[in-house]
Amino acid sequence: MSTLTRRNFIGKTAIAISSIAALQKVAGADRSRSDPGPANLGLDGQDPDSIWPPATDSKSLVQNFKYPFSFANKRVYEGGWSREVTVRELPVSKTLAGVNMRLTAGGVRELHWHTAGEWAIMLYGTARITAIDADGKSFVADVKKNDLWFFPSGIPHSIQGLNPDGCEFMLVFDDGEFSESETVLLSDAMAHLPPEVLAKNFAVDQDAFKNVPREELFIFQTDVPGELEADQKAAAGARGKSPKDFAFRTMEMPPTKQTMGGEVRVVDSSNFKVSTTAMAMVTVHPGGLRELHWHPNADEWQYFISGKGRMTVVATGNKARTMDFQEGDVGYVQKSLLHYIENTGDTDLVFLEMFKADRFQDFSFSEWLAHTPPELVMAHLDIDKATLDAIPRKATVVMPV
């Protein structure tokens, strides 16, 4: 063995021995932190705080508050696809349900209406949406990434993908039991009505509807529509356009709050008049924190658009649980439970906070402590005045300030 080879061998052996010693030291310190059995390493890597919870988590069971859209059943059609996360997939999600949908250019989510209110955000591409209001006046608009729309329960509407590559969007319904498969569809309704009734209702011959589809279309492919102005004019007819704007251009508004740690845009009935669902679009920069807070008026349904993060929910009865999130995941926090969302990645964390409420409300943990008599707070927490004085006196929303 050459001198160089011998040195390399001795060096590598020393490193190996020191590594084994370090592992033995860790194992000796906490022998319970091992899992030699079968494991889904992919999922384990995405969920470190579930695999080895922080010491601050409780051993008492806290109901699961995460569900990835990747696990959802996908209904695929010519023209697009749809998948949903409801109370059936995420039992804690009792007040809101989400539907993720993709349409090709020309792909149509057929004319329909719901028994629940439909809130939506565009995630990709462009689409044309149509509706009529309660006075029978038409609404036709084109929407792009980050634009919103809201159709109240019973408002008939449609969605169609535009050039060059259609669209993808997230729908949020104000009923956790909602399912996209249980909507009132134009094709389905027509197929279940007697021909003589259709003829009498529309003042045409019975043969006029002989080619109506016998099964629901749901999503189907057709031609990309023409110019927006032409569709608006044709739909308006003699009755005219609706004075209500069912769409909202999110990025045209300045951030509601902006700090060094990120920003938030709040959209509710105060600035999107037709909506009875409130939203906060939150961006947290790397290392930042959506501050400790809670919502007194509604449960919070979350959708993670990009980045990675973790959230601890402090439940009643001395319980707490931490879970990890990444893009495509749904989170859920019950009304009035304390929580935070921390960016654990190296890119911006962007997510939605959704509420079955017409106004956004939250309580800042810091603001509460800062505006309570100081002696009372110090007696509770055994902290000094300097520590209490350092706590932000106003809601920061995203830390650091």
Foldseek 3Di string as FASTA:
>chain_A
DDPVVVVVVVVVVVVVVVVVVVVVVVCVVPVPLDDPDDDPVVVCVQKVCVSPNDPLFDPDDDADFKDFQVPFDWDDDAFWIKTWDFCVNRVVRFFKIKMKIFGWAQKKQAKFFAQWKKKKFWQAAKKWKWWADPVRAIDIDMDGHGKMFIDGGPIIMMIHFHPDTGTIMMIMTRGRPDDLVPIGGPLCVVLPDDLVVVCVVVVHDSVVCVPRDNDGPSMHGDHRDDDRVVVQDVSRPPVGHDPADRMGDQVVDDFPAQDPQWTKRKDFCVHRVVDFKIKIKTKGAAFKKQAKKFFAPFKKKKAWAAAKKKKKWQDPPSGIGMTIDGHRMIGIGGHPIIMMIHGPGNGMTIMMIMGSGRDGDMDGPLLVLLPDPVVVSCVVPVDDPVVNVPRDNDNNSMDDD
